[in-house]
Protein backbone atom coordinates (compact mmCIF):
# COMPACT_ATOMS: atom_id res chain seq x y z
CA UNK A 1 9.01 -17.22 -0.72
CA UNK A 2 12.65 -17.35 -1.81
CA UNK A 3 13.37 -17.18 -5.53
CA UNK A 4 15.50 -20.36 -5.51
CA UNK A 5 18.16 -18.96 -7.80
CA UNK A 6 21.57 -20.52 -8.15
CA UNK A 7 24.21 -18.67 -6.19
CA UNK A 8 26.54 -16.56 -8.31
CA UNK A 9 29.38 -17.33 -5.90
CA UNK A 10 31.69 -20.29 -6.41
CA UNK A 11 30.59 -21.62 -3.01
CA UNK A 12 27.26 -23.22 -2.07
CA UNK A 13 24.64 -21.95 0.35
CA UNK A 14 24.03 -24.72 2.88
CA UNK A 15 21.28 -25.45 5.40
CA UNK A 16 22.12 -27.89 8.20
CA UNK A 17 19.18 -29.66 9.87
CA UNK A 18 20.14 -31.66 12.94
CA UNK A 19 18.50 -31.87 16.37
CA UNK A 20 21.82 -32.14 18.22
CA UNK A 21 23.23 -28.70 19.05
CA UNK A 22 26.82 -29.96 19.25
CA UNK A 23 26.56 -31.73 15.89
CA UNK A 24 25.07 -28.60 14.26
CA UNK A 25 27.92 -26.48 15.58
CA UNK A 26 30.56 -29.00 14.51
CA UNK A 27 29.08 -29.32 11.03
CA UNK A 28 28.85 -25.54 10.70
CA UNK A 29 32.51 -25.20 11.68
CA UNK A 30 33.53 -27.87 9.17
CA UNK A 31 31.42 -26.38 6.35
CA UNK A 32 32.07 -22.64 6.76
CA UNK A 33 35.40 -22.63 4.86
CA UNK A 34 33.76 -24.18 1.78
CA UNK A 35 30.33 -22.50 1.89
CA UNK A 36 29.11 -19.03 0.97
CA UNK A 37 26.43 -19.14 3.66
CA UNK A 38 25.49 -21.65 6.38
CA UNK A 39 22.13 -21.67 8.15
CA UNK A 40 21.21 -24.13 10.90
CA UNK A 41 17.84 -25.66 11.80
CA UNK A 42 16.96 -27.85 14.78
CA UNK A 43 14.59 -30.14 12.89
CA UNK A 44 12.86 -30.77 9.59
CA UNK A 45 10.10 -28.23 10.24
CA UNK A 46 12.65 -25.47 10.76
CA UNK A 47 14.53 -26.59 7.65
CA UNK A 48 11.36 -26.39 5.55
CA UNK A 49 10.55 -22.95 6.98
CA UNK A 50 14.07 -21.79 6.13
CA UNK A 51 13.78 -23.18 2.59
CA UNK A 52 10.55 -21.24 2.11
CA UNK A 53 12.30 -17.97 3.05
CA UNK A 54 15.86 -18.26 1.75
CA UNK A 55 17.85 -19.60 -1.14
CA UNK A 56 19.97 -22.68 -0.58
CA UNK A 57 21.91 -25.03 -2.79
CA UNK A 58 22.50 -27.94 -0.40
CA UNK A 59 20.57 -29.33 2.57
CA UNK A 60 22.57 -31.39 5.05
CA UNK A 61 19.79 -33.40 6.69
CA UNK A 62 19.81 -35.61 9.78
CA UNK A 63 17.41 -38.51 9.34
CA UNK A 64 16.33 -39.03 12.94
CA UNK A 65 14.88 -35.85 14.49
CA UNK A 66 11.88 -34.87 16.61
CA UNK A 67 8.99 -32.82 15.17
CA UNK A 68 9.72 -33.80 11.56
CA UNK A 69 11.94 -36.69 10.50
CA UNK A 70 14.52 -36.41 7.76
CA UNK A 71 12.63 -38.69 5.35
CA UNK A 72 9.51 -36.52 5.66
CA UNK A 73 11.62 -33.43 5.03
CA UNK A 74 13.31 -35.10 2.06
CA UNK A 75 9.89 -35.87 0.54
CA UNK A 76 8.91 -32.18 0.93
CA UNK A 77 12.16 -31.11 -0.74
CA UNK A 78 11.67 -33.45 -3.71
CA UNK A 79 8.16 -32.05 -4.25
CA UNK A 80 8.84 -28.36 -3.61
CA UNK A 81 12.58 -27.82 -4.26
CA UNK A 82 13.61 -30.58 -6.70
CA UNK A 83 16.88 -28.85 -7.65
CA UNK A 84 18.12 -28.73 -4.07
CA UNK A 85 20.89 -31.23 -3.33
CA UNK A 86 20.24 -33.21 -0.16
CA UNK A 87 22.96 -35.01 1.77
CA UNK A 88 21.56 -37.15 4.57
CA UNK A 89 23.46 -37.86 7.76
CA UNK A 90 22.68 -40.37 10.47
CA UNK A 91 24.13 -42.74 12.98
CA UNK A 92 21.80 -45.25 11.31
CA UNK A 93 22.71 -44.80 7.65
CA UNK A 94 22.79 -48.58 7.18
CA UNK A 95 19.11 -48.67 8.09
CA UNK A 96 17.77 -45.51 6.43
CA UNK A 97 20.43 -44.34 3.98
CA UNK A 98 19.31 -46.64 1.16
CA UNK A 99 15.74 -45.38 1.44
CA UNK A 100 16.93 -41.77 1.45
CA UNK A 101 19.03 -42.37 -1.68
CA UNK A 102 16.01 -43.92 -3.43
CA UNK A 103 14.02 -40.80 -2.52
CA UNK A 104 16.61 -38.52 -4.08
CA UNK A 105 19.35 -37.85 -1.53
CA UNK A 106 22.66 -37.36 -3.34
CA UNK A 107 24.71 -38.92 -0.55
CA UNK A 108 24.25 -40.64 2.80
CA UNK A 109 26.96 -40.13 5.42
CA UNK A 110 27.36 -42.05 8.67
CA UNK A 111 27.87 -40.16 11.94
CA UNK A 112 30.42 -39.37 13.13
CA UNK A 113 31.34 -37.67 9.86
CA UNK A 114 34.91 -36.98 8.88
CA UNK A 115 35.79 -33.55 7.49
CA UNK A 116 37.14 -35.23 4.33
CA UNK A 117 33.93 -37.21 3.69
CA UNK A 118 31.75 -34.17 4.34
CA UNK A 119 33.84 -31.91 2.12
CA UNK A 120 33.82 -34.49 -0.68
CA UNK A 121 30.03 -34.95 -0.46
CA UNK A 122 29.38 -31.20 -0.46
CA UNK A 123 31.75 -30.57 -3.37
CA UNK A 124 30.13 -33.37 -5.42
CA UNK A 125 26.62 -32.12 -4.64
CA UNK A 126 27.61 -28.52 -5.48
CA UNK A 127 29.12 -29.60 -8.78
CA UNK A 128 25.93 -31.49 -9.62
CA UNK A 129 23.71 -28.51 -8.70
CA UNK A 130 25.81 -26.12 -10.81
CA UNK A 131 25.80 -28.49 -13.81
CA UNK A 132 22.02 -28.93 -13.61
CA UNK A 133 21.52 -25.15 -13.39
CA UNK A 134 23.79 -24.56 -16.38
CA UNK A 135 21.84 -27.09 -18.43
CA UNK A 136 18.54 -25.57 -17.31
CA UNK A 137 19.72 -22.09 -18.29
CA UNK A 138 20.78 -23.35 -21.74
CA UNK A 139 17.35 -24.92 -22.23
CA UNK A 140 15.58 -21.63 -21.52
CA UNK A 141 17.71 -19.58 -23.90
């Protein structure tokens, strides 16, 4: 299992979970300039498997996917990787975004996503993750 340590780079490690190949590729292209590492998963099950094997700082999570929905994946993250920032994405954010935020998602973005909105959400999530890690490190010293 991955050690779940905070990246020492000034850029986050991101996992994208979306069942649409074109959306995954577009999101990867938009994120690569601001991320240290980008990994893609086709569904929630693949995202969970990736999180069990690799470090990540942010999960960009589609809510509507086959095999394992985004909400189910978000619940797994909150239980097993509580420090991981989750940004949910969906064409149905109005329907499911509020629930995802209540379950701990840091942001909910509506598809199609603009580069500016995505960059802003990732930067805010990364700042929050780094601040939480700094506070945690101070508590253990």
